[in-house]
Amino acid sequence: MPDRGLRVDVMALGPKGEIWIVECKSSRADYQSDHKWEGYLDWCDRYFWAVDLEFPSELLPVETGVIIADGYDAEIVRMAPEDKLAGARRNTLIRKFAIHAARRLHALRDPEAVLSAWA
């Protein structure tokens, strides 16, 4: 995973099982102060920015994808190019993704559960 202590905003599985990372940016200042995003590129098959319609999208690198979103919907307006992960890394990430998803579901179904025992 990316450096310890850093967390992507959204990690998802794409339609073909590829790893997608989405970073959400609310403003020009938010984007310009983000110095960690390039470190995430080694951990996904496709990298996207999620911004609103008012965001100056010309700031976003052309080698990344763009999702326009609001409080009700989102649309991919530029598909991120695929940069395939090595199979072993993808396998590790998908397993960690599944474990994390199972923990979250467990916590929703049983808020009294002690999830630290899974760590």
PDB file of N, CA and C in Angstrom:
ATOM      1  N   MET A   1       0.846  -1.165   0.000  1.00  0.00           N
ATOM      2  CA  MET A   1       0.000   0.000   0.000  1.00  0.00           C
ATOM      3  C   MET A   1       0.898   1.238   0.000  1.00  0.00           C
ATOM      4  N   PRO A   2       0.303   2.415  -0.254  1.00  0.00           N
ATOM      5  CA  PRO A   2       1.117   3.635  -0.203  1.00  0.00           C
ATOM      6  C   PRO A   2       1.779   3.795   1.162  1.00  0.00           C
ATOM      7  N   ASP A   3       2.704   4.754   1.257  1.00  0.00           N
ATOM      8  CA  ASP A   3       3.441   4.971   2.499  1.00  0.00           C
ATOM      9  C   ASP A   3       2.519   4.946   3.705  1.00  0.00           C
ATOM     10  N   ARG A   4       3.043   4.413   4.804  1.00  0.00           N
ATOM     11  CA  ARG A   4       2.269   4.361   6.053  1.00  0.00           C
ATOM     12  C   ARG A   4       1.765   5.752   6.418  1.00  0.00           C
ATOM     13  N   GLY A   5       0.534   5.801   6.889  1.00  0.00           N
ATOM     14  CA  GLY A   5      -0.050   7.063   7.298  1.00  0.00           C
ATOM     15  C   GLY A   5      -0.764   7.802   6.187  1.00  0.00           C
ATOM     16  N   LEU A   6      -0.528   7.415   4.942  1.00  0.00           N
ATOM     17  CA  LEU A   6      -1.212   8.055   3.826  1.00  0.00           C
ATOM     18  C   LEU A   6      -2.389   7.184   3.408  1.00  0.00           C
ATOM     19  N   ARG A   7      -3.501   7.813   3.115  1.00  0.00           N
ATOM     20  CA  ARG A   7      -4.687   7.071   2.696  1.00  0.00           C
ATOM     21  C   ARG A   7      -5.276   7.728   1.466  1.00  0.00           C
ATOM     22  N   VAL A   8      -5.631   6.896   0.511  1.00  0.00           N
ATOM     23  CA  VAL A   8      -6.321   7.413  -0.655  1.00  0.00           C
ATOM     24  C   VAL A   8      -7.741   7.756  -0.247  1.00  0.00           C
ATOM     25  N   ASP A   9      -8.400   8.630  -1.002  1.00  0.00           N
ATOM     26  CA  ASP A   9      -9.785   8.982  -0.687  1.00  0.00           C
ATOM     27  C   ASP A   9     -10.718   7.820  -0.999  1.00  0.00           C
ATOM     28  N   VAL A  10     -10.558   7.221  -2.188  1.00  0.00           N
ATOM     29  CA  VAL A  10     -11.408   6.097  -2.595  1.00  0.00           C
ATOM     30  C   VAL A  10     -10.549   5.084  -3.332  1.00  0.00           C
ATOM     31  N   MET A  11     -10.683   3.823  -2.960  1.00  0.00           N
ATOM     32  CA  MET A  11     -10.087   2.732  -3.716  1.00  0.00           C
ATOM     33  C   MET A  11     -11.253   1.847  -4.138  1.00  0.00           C
ATOM     34  N   ALA A  12     -11.264   1.466  -5.395  1.00  0.00           N
ATOM     35  CA  ALA A  12     -12.385   0.685  -5.913  1.00  0.00           C
ATOM     36  C   ALA A  12     -11.878  -0.391  -6.857  1.00  0.00           C
ATOM     37  N   LEU A  13     -12.732  -1.376  -7.089  1.00  0.00           N
ATOM     38  CA  LEU A  13     -12.452  -2.388  -8.101  1.00  0.00           C
ATOM     39  C   LEU A  13     -13.211  -2.002  -9.362  1.00  0.00           C
ATOM     40  N   GLY A  14     -12.487  -1.902 -10.463  1.00  0.00           N
ATOM     41  CA  GLY A  14     -13.102  -1.577 -11.735  1.00  0.00           C
ATOM     42  C   GLY A  14     -13.861  -2.763 -12.298  1.00  0.00           C
ATOM     43  N   PRO A  15     -14.526  -2.571 -13.427  1.00  0.00           N
ATOM     44  CA  PRO A  15     -15.366  -3.620 -14.011  1.00  0.00           C
ATOM     45  C   PRO A  15     -14.621  -4.891 -14.407  1.00  0.00           C
ATOM     46  N   LYS A  16     -13.304  -4.799 -14.632  1.00  0.00           N
ATOM     47  CA  LYS A  16     -12.518  -5.983 -14.986  1.00  0.00           C
ATOM     48  C   LYS A  16     -11.611  -6.426 -13.845  1.00  0.00           C
ATOM     49  N   GLY A  17     -11.956  -5.993 -12.610  1.00  0.00           N
ATOM     50  CA  GLY A  17     -11.161  -6.378 -11.454  1.00  0.00           C
ATOM     51  C   GLY A  17      -9.906  -5.552 -11.273  1.00  0.00           C
ATOM     52  N   GLU A  18      -9.786  -4.448 -11.995  1.00  0.00           N
ATOM     53  CA  GLU A  18      -8.609  -3.606 -11.846  1.00  0.00           C
ATOM     54  C   GLU A  18      -8.785  -2.690 -10.633  1.00  0.00           C
ATOM     55  N   ILE A  19      -7.671  -2.243 -10.071  1.00  0.00           N
ATOM     56  CA  ILE A  19      -7.666  -1.355  -8.918  1.00  0.00           C
ATOM     57  C   ILE A  19      -7.720   0.090  -9.410  1.00  0.00           C
ATOM     58  N   TRP A  20      -8.733   0.817  -8.938  1.00  0.00           N
ATOM     59  CA  TRP A  20      -8.872   2.234  -9.249  1.00  0.00           C
ATOM     60  C   TRP A  20      -8.653   3.024  -7.970  1.00  0.00           C
ATOM     61  N   ILE A  21      -7.924   4.132  -8.074  1.00  0.00           N
ATOM     62  CA  ILE A  21      -7.801   5.079  -6.972  1.00  0.00           C
ATOM     63  C   ILE A  21      -8.412   6.389  -7.434  1.00  0.00           C
ATOM     64  N   VAL A  22      -9.222   6.980  -6.551  1.00  0.00           N
ATOM     65  CA  VAL A  22      -9.878   8.255  -6.830  1.00  0.00           C
ATOM     66  C   VAL A  22      -9.515   9.227  -5.715  1.00  0.00           C
ATOM     67  N   GLU A  23      -8.937  10.343  -6.084  1.00  0.00           N
ATOM     68  CA  GLU A  23      -8.652  11.419  -5.135  1.00  0.00           C
ATOM     69  C   GLU A  23      -9.668  12.530  -5.358  1.00  0.00           C
ATOM     70  N   CYS A  24     -10.318  12.955  -4.293  1.00  0.00           N
ATOM     71  CA  CYS A  24     -11.348  13.994  -4.348  1.00  0.00           C
ATOM     72  C   CYS A  24     -10.716  15.339  -4.020  1.00  0.00           C
ATOM     73  N   LYS A  25     -10.952  16.305  -4.873  1.00  0.00           N
ATOM     74  CA  LYS A  25     -10.407  17.644  -4.657  1.00  0.00           C
ATOM     75  C   LYS A  25     -11.543  18.662  -4.700  1.00  0.00           C
ATOM     76  N   SER A  26     -11.534  19.559  -3.713  1.00  0.00           N
ATOM     77  CA  SER A  26     -12.619  20.529  -3.576  1.00  0.00           C
ATOM     78  C   SER A  26     -12.276  21.899  -4.137  1.00  0.00           C
ATOM     79  N   SER A  27     -10.987  22.162  -4.364  1.00  0.00           N
ATOM     80  CA  SER A  27     -10.596  23.490  -4.832  1.00  0.00           C
ATOM     81  C   SER A  27      -9.192  23.453  -5.430  1.00  0.00           C
ATOM     82  N   ARG A  28      -8.829  24.565  -6.055  1.00  0.00           N
ATOM     83  CA  ARG A  28      -7.477  24.718  -6.597  1.00  0.00           C
ATOM     84  C   ARG A  28      -6.448  24.565  -5.474  1.00  0.00           C
ATOM     85  N   ALA A  29      -6.683  25.221  -4.347  1.00  0.00           N
ATOM     86  CA  ALA A  29      -5.749  25.161  -3.219  1.00  0.00           C
ATOM     87  C   ALA A  29      -5.616  23.736  -2.690  1.00  0.00           C
ATOM     88  N   ASP A  30      -6.731  23.008  -2.628  1.00  0.00           N
ATOM     89  CA  ASP A  30      -6.706  21.615  -2.178  1.00  0.00           C
ATOM     90  C   ASP A  30      -5.824  20.781  -3.106  1.00  0.00           C
ATOM     91  N   TYR A  31      -5.979  20.964  -4.402  1.00  0.00           N
ATOM     92  CA  TYR A  31      -5.167  20.234  -5.374  1.00  0.00           C
ATOM     93  C   TYR A  31      -3.690  20.623  -5.276  1.00  0.00           C
ATOM     94  N   GLN A  32      -3.419  21.912  -5.223  1.00  0.00           N
ATOM     95  CA  GLN A  32      -2.029  22.382  -5.231  1.00  0.00           C
ATOM     96  C   GLN A  32      -1.280  22.023  -3.960  1.00  0.00           C
ATOM     97  N   SER A  33      -1.990  21.788  -2.875  1.00  0.00           N
ATOM     98  CA  SER A  33      -1.319  21.414  -1.628  1.00  0.00           C
ATOM     99  C   SER A  33      -1.117  19.907  -1.507  1.00  0.00           C
ATOM    100  N   ASP A  34      -1.620  19.141  -2.466  1.00  0.00           N
ATOM    101  CA  ASP A  34      -1.496  17.676  -2.434  1.00  0.00           C
ATOM    102  C   ASP A  34      -0.184  17.264  -3.097  1.00  0.00           C
ATOM    103  N   HIS A  35       0.773  16.875  -2.281  1.00  0.00           N
ATOM    104  CA  HIS A  35       2.084  16.468  -2.805  1.00  0.00           C
ATOM    105  C   HIS A  35       2.279  14.961  -2.734  1.00  0.00           C
ATOM    106  N   LYS A  36       1.235  14.230  -2.401  1.00  0.00           N
ATOM    107  CA  LYS A  36       1.372  12.786  -2.208  1.00  0.00           C
ATOM    108  C   LYS A  36       0.765  11.955  -3.333  1.00  0.00           C
ATOM    109  N   TRP A  37      -0.049  12.553  -4.188  1.00  0.00           N
ATOM    110  CA  TRP A  37      -0.822  11.763  -5.144  1.00  0.00           C
ATOM    111  C   TRP A  37       0.038  10.934  -6.092  1.00  0.00           C
ATOM    112  N   GLU A  38       1.173  11.428  -6.514  1.00  0.00           N
ATOM    113  CA  GLU A  38       1.998  10.665  -7.459  1.00  0.00           C
ATOM    114  C   GLU A  38       2.509   9.365  -6.843  1.00  0.00           C
ATOM    115  N   GLY A  39       2.637   9.327  -5.531  1.00  0.00           N
ATOM    116  CA  GLY A  39       3.035   8.109  -4.848  1.00  0.00           C
ATOM    117  C   GLY A  39       1.983   7.018  -4.922  1.00  0.00           C
ATOM    118  N   TYR A  40       0.749   7.384  -5.223  1.00  0.00           N
ATOM    119  CA  TYR A  40      -0.336   6.409  -5.337  1.00  0.00           C
ATOM    120  C   TYR A  40      -0.345   5.688  -6.690  1.00  0.00           C
ATOM    121  N   LEU A  41       0.317   6.243  -7.678  1.00  0.00           N
ATOM    122  CA  LEU A  41       0.267   5.679  -9.035  1.00  0.00           C
ATOM    123  C   LEU A  41       0.810   4.254  -9.103  1.00  0.00           C
ATOM    124  N   ASP A  42       1.755   3.916  -8.242  1.00  0.00           N
ATOM    125  CA  ASP A  42       2.330   2.568  -8.225  1.00  0.00           C
ATOM    126  C   ASP A  42       1.406   1.547  -7.578  1.00  0.00           C
ATOM    127  N   TRP A  43       0.252   1.980  -7.082  1.00  0.00           N
ATOM    128  CA  TRP A  43      -0.653   1.117  -6.331  1.00  0.00           C
ATOM    129  C   TRP A  43      -2.012   0.969  -6.989  1.00  0.00           C
ATOM    130  N   CYS A  44      -2.112   1.345  -8.261  1.00  0.00           N
ATOM    131  CA  CYS A  44      -3.406   1.213  -8.946  1.00  0.00           C
ATOM    132  C   CYS A  44      -3.195   0.977 -10.439  1.00  0.00           C
ATOM    133  N   ASP A  45      -4.254   0.457 -11.073  1.00  0.00           N
ATOM    134  CA  ASP A  45      -4.257   0.280 -12.521  1.00  0.00           C
ATOM    135  C   ASP A  45      -4.747   1.543 -13.227  1.00  0.00           C
ATOM    136  N   ARG A  46      -5.621   2.284 -12.540  1.00  0.00           N
ATOM    137  CA  ARG A  46      -6.172   3.531 -13.088  1.00  0.00           C
ATOM    138  C   ARG A  46      -6.281   4.545 -11.961  1.00  0.00           C
ATOM    139  N   TYR A  47      -5.929   5.803 -12.255  1.00  0.00           N
ATOM    140  CA  TYR A  47      -5.963   6.874 -11.259  1.00  0.00           C
ATOM    141  C   TYR A  47      -6.892   7.980 -11.751  1.00  0.00           C
ATOM    142  N   PHE A  48      -7.806   8.400 -10.862  1.00  0.00           N
ATOM    143  CA  PHE A  48      -8.796   9.426 -11.202  1.00  0.00           C
ATOM    144  C   PHE A  48      -8.779  10.562 -10.178  1.00  0.00           C
ATOM    145  N   TRP A  49      -9.211  11.715 -10.645  1.00  0.00           N
ATOM    146  CA  TRP A  49      -9.552  12.843  -9.776  1.00  0.00           C
ATOM    147  C   TRP A  49     -11.067  12.956  -9.796  1.00  0.00           C
ATOM    148  N   ALA A  50     -11.660  13.219  -8.642  1.00  0.00           N
ATOM    149  CA  ALA A  50     -13.091  13.536  -8.569  1.00  0.00           C
ATOM    150  C   ALA A  50     -13.206  14.992  -8.143  1.00  0.00           C
ATOM    151  N   VAL A  51     -13.866  15.769  -8.977  1.00  0.00           N
ATOM    152  CA  VAL A  51     -14.005  17.211  -8.739  1.00  0.00           C
ATOM    153  C   VAL A  51     -15.432  17.623  -9.091  1.00  0.00           C
ATOM    154  N   ASP A  52     -15.805  18.847  -8.728  1.00  0.00           N
ATOM    155  CA  ASP A  52     -17.123  19.332  -9.122  1.00  0.00           C
ATOM    156  C   ASP A  52     -17.014  20.155 -10.408  1.00  0.00           C
ATOM    157  N   LEU A  53     -18.138  20.599 -10.906  1.00  0.00           N
ATOM    158  CA  LEU A  53     -18.164  21.338 -12.175  1.00  0.00           C
ATOM    159  C   LEU A  53     -17.384  22.650 -12.123  1.00  0.00           C
ATOM    160  N   GLU A  54     -17.274  23.245 -10.949  1.00  0.00           N
ATOM    161  CA  GLU A  54     -16.590  24.536 -10.806  1.00  0.00           C
ATOM    162  C   GLU A  54     -15.067  24.395 -10.739  1.00  0.00           C
ATOM    163  N   PHE A  55     -14.574  23.175 -10.545  1.00  0.00           N
ATOM    164  CA  PHE A  55     -13.139  22.963 -10.396  1.00  0.00           C
ATOM    165  C   PHE A  55     -12.416  23.272 -11.706  1.00  0.00           C
ATOM    166  N   PRO A  56     -11.274  23.970 -11.663  1.00  0.00           N
ATOM    167  CA  PRO A  56     -10.503  24.256 -12.892  1.00  0.00           C
ATOM    168  C   PRO A  56      -9.788  22.988 -13.386  1.00  0.00           C
ATOM    169  N   SER A  57     -10.502  22.165 -14.143  1.00  0.00           N
ATOM    170  CA  SER A  57      -9.991  20.846 -14.535  1.00  0.00           C
ATOM    171  C   SER A  57      -8.744  20.914 -15.414  1.00  0.00           C
ATOM    172  N   GLU A  58      -8.410  22.078 -15.964  1.00  0.00           N
ATOM    173  CA  GLU A  58      -7.177  22.188 -16.749  1.00  0.00           C
ATOM    174  C   GLU A  58      -5.938  22.007 -15.874  1.00  0.00           C
ATOM    175  N   LEU A  59      -6.086  22.077 -14.563  1.00  0.00           N
ATOM    176  CA  LEU A  59      -4.969  21.837 -13.644  1.00  0.00           C
ATOM    177  C   LEU A  59      -4.597  20.359 -13.570  1.00  0.00           C
ATOM    178  N   LEU A  60      -5.545  19.497 -13.852  1.00  0.00           N
ATOM    179  CA  LEU A  60      -5.346  18.058 -13.655  1.00  0.00           C
ATOM    180  C   LEU A  60      -4.504  17.452 -14.768  1.00  0.00           C
ATOM    181  N   PRO A  61      -3.520  16.636 -14.425  1.00  0.00           N
ATOM    182  CA  PRO A  61      -2.650  16.030 -15.442  1.00  0.00           C
ATOM    183  C   PRO A  61      -3.452  15.213 -16.457  1.00  0.00           C
ATOM    184  N   VAL A  62      -3.097  15.330 -17.729  1.00  0.00           N
ATOM    185  CA  VAL A  62      -3.838  14.638 -18.790  1.00  0.00           C
ATOM    186  C   VAL A  62      -3.657  13.127 -18.739  1.00  0.00           C
ATOM    187  N   GLU A  63      -2.630  12.653 -18.038  1.00  0.00           N
ATOM    188  CA  GLU A  63      -2.406  11.207 -17.940  1.00  0.00           C
ATOM    189  C   GLU A  63      -3.196  10.584 -16.793  1.00  0.00           C
ATOM    190  N   THR A  64      -4.175  11.308 -16.279  1.00  0.00           N
ATOM    191  CA  THR A  64      -5.052  10.802 -15.224  1.00  0.00           C
ATOM    192  C   THR A  64      -6.503  10.939 -15.667  1.00  0.00           C
ATOM    193  N   GLY A  65      -7.376  10.204 -15.002  1.00  0.00           N
ATOM    194  CA  GLY A  65      -8.791  10.285 -15.316  1.00  0.00           C
ATOM    195  C   GLY A  65      -9.473  11.379 -14.520  1.00  0.00           C
ATOM    196  N   VAL A  66     -10.669  11.766 -14.991  1.00  0.00           N
ATOM    197  CA  VAL A  66     -11.437  12.812 -14.314  1.00  0.00           C
ATOM    198  C   VAL A  66     -12.880  12.357 -14.158  1.00  0.00           C
ATOM    199  N   ILE A  67     -13.376  12.529 -12.935  1.00  0.00           N
ATOM    200  CA  ILE A  67     -14.770  12.255 -12.616  1.00  0.00           C
ATOM    201  C   ILE A  67     -15.373  13.564 -12.133  1.00  0.00           C
ATOM    202  N   ILE A  68     -16.489  13.965 -12.744  1.00  0.00           N
ATOM    203  CA  ILE A  68     -17.218  15.145 -12.292  1.00  0.00           C
ATOM    204  C   ILE A  68     -18.337  14.643 -11.392  1.00  0.00           C
ATOM    205  N   ALA A  69     -18.411  15.201 -10.182  1.00  0.00           N
ATOM    206  CA  ALA A  69     -19.376  14.716  -9.201  1.00  0.00           C
ATOM    207  C   ALA A  69     -20.059  15.885  -8.498  1.00  0.00           C
ATOM    208  N   ASP A  70     -21.242  15.593  -7.990  1.00  0.00           N
ATOM    209  CA  ASP A  70     -21.936  16.516  -7.102  1.00  0.00           C
ATOM    210  C   ASP A  70     -22.596  15.676  -6.015  1.00  0.00           C
ATOM    211  N   GLY A  71     -23.477  16.263  -5.262  1.00  0.00           N
ATOM    212  CA  GLY A  71     -24.100  15.555  -4.165  1.00  0.00           C
ATOM    213  C   GLY A  71     -25.060  14.459  -4.578  1.00  0.00           C
ATOM    214  N   TYR A  72     -25.333  14.347  -5.888  1.00  0.00           N
ATOM    215  CA  TYR A  72     -26.336  13.399  -6.358  1.00  0.00           C
ATOM    216  C   TYR A  72     -25.817  12.370  -7.351  1.00  0.00           C
ATOM    217  N   ASP A  73     -24.757  12.688  -8.054  1.00  0.00           N
ATOM    218  CA  ASP A  73     -24.332  11.818  -9.150  1.00  0.00           C
ATOM    219  C   ASP A  73     -22.863  12.061  -9.467  1.00  0.00           C
ATOM    220  N   ALA A  74     -22.316  11.210 -10.296  1.00  0.00           N
ATOM    221  CA  ALA A  74     -20.941  11.362 -10.767  1.00  0.00           C
ATOM    222  C   ALA A  74     -20.843  10.748 -12.156  1.00  0.00           C
ATOM    223  N   GLU A  75     -19.925  11.272 -12.947  1.00  0.00           N
ATOM    224  CA  GLU A  75     -19.726  10.756 -14.298  1.00  0.00           C
ATOM    225  C   GLU A  75     -18.245  10.830 -14.652  1.00  0.00           C
ATOM    226  N   ILE A  76     -17.747   9.739 -15.227  1.00  0.00           N
ATOM    227  CA  ILE A  76     -16.372   9.746 -15.722  1.00  0.00           C
ATOM    228  C   ILE A  76     -16.375  10.549 -17.014  1.00  0.00           C
ATOM    229  N   VAL A  77     -15.649  11.655 -17.021  1.00  0.00           N
ATOM    230  CA  VAL A  77     -15.577  12.484 -18.221  1.00  0.00           C
ATOM    231  C   VAL A  77     -14.266  12.260 -18.982  1.00  0.00           C
ATOM    232  N   ARG A  78     -13.284  11.686 -18.307  1.00  0.00           N
ATOM    233  CA  ARG A  78     -12.045  11.281 -18.972  1.00  0.00           C
ATOM    234  C   ARG A  78     -11.576   9.993 -18.307  1.00  0.00           C
ATOM    235  N   MET A  79     -11.597   8.921 -19.076  1.00  0.00           N
ATOM    236  CA  MET A  79     -11.156   7.626 -18.540  1.00  0.00           C
ATOM    237  C   MET A  79      -9.658   7.663 -18.312  1.00  0.00           C
ATOM    238  N   ALA A  80      -9.251   7.186 -17.161  1.00  0.00           N
ATOM    239  CA  ALA A  80      -7.820   7.108 -16.849  1.00  0.00           C
ATOM    240  C   ALA A  80      -7.178   6.029 -17.702  1.00  0.00           C
ATOM    241  N   PRO A  81      -5.991   6.289 -18.215  1.00  0.00           N
ATOM    242  CA  PRO A  81      -5.293   5.229 -18.942  1.00  0.00           C
ATOM    243  C   PRO A  81      -4.931   4.094 -17.995  1.00  0.00           C
ATOM    244  N   GLU A  82      -4.909   2.894 -18.525  1.00  0.00           N
ATOM    245  CA  GLU A  82      -4.576   1.736 -17.702  1.00  0.00           C
ATOM    246  C   GLU A  82      -3.061   1.546 -17.656  1.00  0.00           C
ATOM    247  N   ASP A  83      -2.560   1.388 -16.457  1.00  0.00           N
ATOM    248  CA  ASP A  83      -1.152   1.075 -16.226  1.00  0.00           C
ATOM    249  C   ASP A  83      -1.171  -0.140 -15.304  1.00  0.00           C
ATOM    250  N   LYS A  84      -1.129  -1.328 -15.910  1.00  0.00           N
ATOM    251  CA  LYS A  84      -1.372  -2.573 -15.176  1.00  0.00           C
ATOM    252  C   LYS A  84      -0.371  -2.812 -14.058  1.00  0.00           C
ATOM    253  N   LEU A  85      -0.936  -3.165 -12.910  1.00  0.00           N
ATOM    254  CA  LEU A  85      -0.122  -3.572 -11.770  1.00  0.00           C
ATOM    255  C   LEU A  85       0.456  -4.960 -12.013  1.00  0.00           C
ATOM    256  N   ALA A  86       1.551  -5.253 -11.353  1.00  0.00           N
ATOM    257  CA  ALA A  86       2.082  -6.620 -11.367  1.00  0.00           C
ATOM    258  C   ALA A  86       1.051  -7.519 -10.683  1.00  0.00           C
ATOM    259  N   GLY A  87       0.937  -8.737 -11.154  1.00  0.00           N
ATOM    260  CA  GLY A  87      -0.060  -9.672 -10.633  1.00  0.00           C
ATOM    261  C   GLY A  87       0.024  -9.886  -9.137  1.00  0.00           C
ATOM    262  N   ALA A  88       1.219 -10.032  -8.604  1.00  0.00           N
ATOM    263  CA  ALA A  88       1.385 -10.267  -7.164  1.00  0.00           C
ATOM    264  C   ALA A  88       0.900  -9.068  -6.360  1.00  0.00           C
ATOM    265  N   ARG A  89       1.211  -7.857  -6.817  1.00  0.00           N
ATOM    266  CA  ARG A  89       0.759  -6.654  -6.113  1.00  0.00           C
ATOM    267  C   ARG A  89      -0.763  -6.540  -6.172  1.00  0.00           C
ATOM    268  N   ARG A  90      -1.351  -6.800  -7.355  1.00  0.00           N
ATOM    269  CA  ARG A  90      -2.809  -6.730  -7.490  1.00  0.00           C
ATOM    270  C   ARG A  90      -3.468  -7.733  -6.546  1.00  0.00           C
ATOM    271  N   ASN A  91      -2.940  -8.960  -6.510  1.00  0.00           N
ATOM    272  CA  ASN A  91      -3.488  -9.992  -5.649  1.00  0.00           C
ATOM    273  C   ASN A  91      -3.458  -9.552  -4.182  1.00  0.00           C
ATOM    274  N   THR A  92      -2.345  -9.012  -3.740  1.00  0.00           N
ATOM    275  CA  THR A  92      -2.220  -8.529  -2.362  1.00  0.00           C
ATOM    276  C   THR A  92      -3.217  -7.412  -2.089  1.00  0.00           C
ATOM    277  N   LEU A  93      -3.329  -6.458  -3.008  1.00  0.00           N
ATOM    278  CA  LEU A  93      -4.251  -5.337  -2.823  1.00  0.00           C
ATOM    279  C   LEU A  93      -5.702  -5.799  -2.786  1.00  0.00           C
ATOM    280  N   ILE A  94      -6.069  -6.720  -3.663  1.00  0.00           N
ATOM    281  CA  ILE A  94      -7.453  -7.202  -3.684  1.00  0.00           C
ATOM    282  C   ILE A  94      -7.771  -7.939  -2.383  1.00  0.00           C
ATOM    283  N   ARG A  95      -6.840  -8.709  -1.879  1.00  0.00           N
ATOM    284  CA  ARG A  95      -7.066  -9.398  -0.595  1.00  0.00           C
ATOM    285  C   ARG A  95      -7.244  -8.388   0.536  1.00  0.00           C
ATOM    286  N   LYS A  96      -6.380  -7.375   0.603  1.00  0.00           N
ATOM    287  CA  LYS A  96      -6.510  -6.350   1.638  1.00  0.00           C
ATOM    288  C   LYS A  96      -7.813  -5.577   1.484  1.00  0.00           C
ATOM    289  N   PHE A  97      -8.183  -5.291   0.246  1.00  0.00           N
ATOM    290  CA  PHE A  97      -9.440  -4.598  -0.048  1.00  0.00           C
ATOM    291  C   PHE A  97     -10.617  -5.418   0.487  1.00  0.00           C
ATOM    292  N   ALA A  98     -10.613  -6.716   0.217  1.00  0.00           N
ATOM    293  CA  ALA A  98     -11.701  -7.598   0.660  1.00  0.00           C
ATOM    294  C   ALA A  98     -11.766  -7.672   2.187  1.00  0.00           C
ATOM    295  N   ILE A  99     -10.629  -7.781   2.841  1.00  0.00           N
ATOM    296  CA  ILE A  99     -10.606  -7.830   4.301  1.00  0.00           C
ATOM    297  C   ILE A  99     -11.164  -6.536   4.889  1.00  0.00           C
ATOM    298  N   HIS A 100     -10.740  -5.416   4.339  1.00  0.00           N
ATOM    299  CA  HIS A 100     -11.207  -4.123   4.830  1.00  0.00           C
ATOM    300  C   HIS A 100     -12.717  -3.982   4.618  1.00  0.00           C
ATOM    301  N   ALA A 101     -13.200  -4.390   3.461  1.00  0.00           N
ATOM    302  CA  ALA A 101     -14.643  -4.323   3.184  1.00  0.00           C
ATOM    303  C   ALA A 101     -15.423  -5.211   4.146  1.00  0.00           C
ATOM    304  N   ALA A 102     -14.911  -6.410   4.417  1.00  0.00           N
ATOM    305  CA  ALA A 102     -15.584  -7.321   5.352  1.00  0.00           C
ATOM    306  C   ALA A 102     -15.623  -6.720   6.757  1.00  0.00           C
ATOM    307  N   ARG A 103     -14.542  -6.076   7.171  1.00  0.00           N
ATOM    308  CA  ARG A 103     -14.519  -5.433   8.492  1.00  0.00           C
ATOM    309  C   ARG A 103     -15.566  -4.331   8.584  1.00  0.00           C
ATOM    310  N   ARG A 104     -15.654  -3.523   7.537  1.00  0.00           N
ATOM    311  CA  ARG A 104     -16.643  -2.442   7.543  1.00  0.00           C
ATOM    312  C   ARG A 104     -18.063  -2.987   7.596  1.00  0.00           C
ATOM    313  N   LEU A 105     -18.336  -4.017   6.816  1.00  0.00           N
ATOM    314  CA  LEU A 105     -19.665  -4.616   6.832  1.00  0.00           C
ATOM    315  C   LEU A 105     -19.964  -5.198   8.208  1.00  0.00           C
ATOM    316  N   HIS A 106     -18.997  -5.874   8.785  1.00  0.00           N
ATOM    317  CA  HIS A 106     -19.165  -6.453  10.109  1.00  0.00           C
ATOM    318  C   HIS A 106     -19.489  -5.352  11.132  1.00  0.00           C
ATOM    319  N   ALA A 107     -18.773  -4.237  11.065  1.00  0.00           N
ATOM    320  CA  ALA A 107     -19.005  -3.129  11.992  1.00  0.00           C
ATOM    321  C   ALA A 107     -20.397  -2.533  11.821  1.00  0.00           C
ATOM    322  N   LEU A 108     -20.892  -2.492  10.590  1.00  0.00           N
ATOM    323  CA  LEU A 108     -22.249  -1.991  10.349  1.00  0.00           C
ATOM    324  C   LEU A 108     -23.299  -2.931  10.928  1.00  0.00           C
ATOM    325  N   ARG A 109     -23.073  -4.209  10.756  1.00  0.00           N
ATOM    326  CA  ARG A 109     -24.044  -5.204  11.235  1.00  0.00           C
ATOM    327  C   ARG A 109     -23.954  -5.426  12.738  1.00  0.00           C
ATOM    328  N   ASP A 110     -22.763  -5.232  13.312  1.00  0.00           N
ATOM    329  CA  ASP A 110     -22.566  -5.459  14.737  1.00  0.00           C
ATOM    330  C   ASP A 110     -21.666  -4.360  15.298  1.00  0.00           C
ATOM    331  N   PRO A 111     -22.242  -3.187  15.610  1.00  0.00           N
ATOM    332  CA  PRO A 111     -21.432  -2.059  16.084  1.00  0.00           C
ATOM    333  C   PRO A 111     -20.667  -2.345  17.376  1.00  0.00           C
ATOM    334  N   GLU A 112     -21.081  -3.348  18.121  1.00  0.00           N
ATOM    335  CA  GLU A 112     -20.396  -3.694  19.374  1.00  0.00           C
ATOM    336  C   GLU A 112     -19.172  -4.590  19.139  1.00  0.00           C
ATOM    337  N   ALA A 113     -18.989  -5.034  17.907  1.00  0.00           N
ATOM    338  CA  ALA A 113     -17.877  -5.941  17.601  1.00  0.00           C
ATOM    339  C   ALA A 113     -16.545  -5.245  17.853  1.00  0.00           C
ATOM    340  N   VAL A 114     -15.591  -5.999  18.319  1.00  0.00           N
ATOM    341  CA  VAL A 114     -14.237  -5.481  18.527  1.00  0.00           C
ATOM    342  C   VAL A 114     -13.435  -5.869  17.289  1.00  0.00           C
ATOM    343  N   LEU A 115     -13.292  -4.912  16.372  1.00  0.00           N
ATOM    344  CA  LEU A 115     -12.647  -5.215  15.100  1.00  0.00           C
ATOM    345  C   LEU A 115     -11.127  -5.181  15.185  1.00  0.00           C
ATOM    346  N   SER A 116     -10.585  -4.641  16.253  1.00  0.00           N
ATOM    347  CA  SER A 116      -9.125  -4.590  16.356  1.00  0.00           C
ATOM    348  C   SER A 116      -8.531  -5.990  16.435  1.00  0.00           C
ATOM    349  N   ALA A 117      -9.334  -6.973  16.828  1.00  0.00           N
ATOM    350  CA  ALA A 117      -8.845  -8.350  16.889  1.00  0.00           C
ATOM    351  C   ALA A 117      -8.519  -8.898  15.501  1.00  0.00           C
ATOM    352  N   TRP A 118      -9.055  -8.270  14.449  1.00  0.00           N
ATOM    353  CA  TRP A 118      -8.798  -8.705  13.071  1.00  0.00           C
ATOM    354  C   TRP A 118      -7.470  -8.198  12.563  1.00  0.00           C
ATOM    355  N   ALA A 119      -6.942  -7.179  13.183  1.00  0.00           N
ATOM    356  CA  ALA A 119      -5.750  -6.508  12.659  1.00  0.00           C
ATOM    357  C   ALA A 119      -4.522  -7.381  12.609  1.00  0.00           C
TER     358      ALA A 119
END
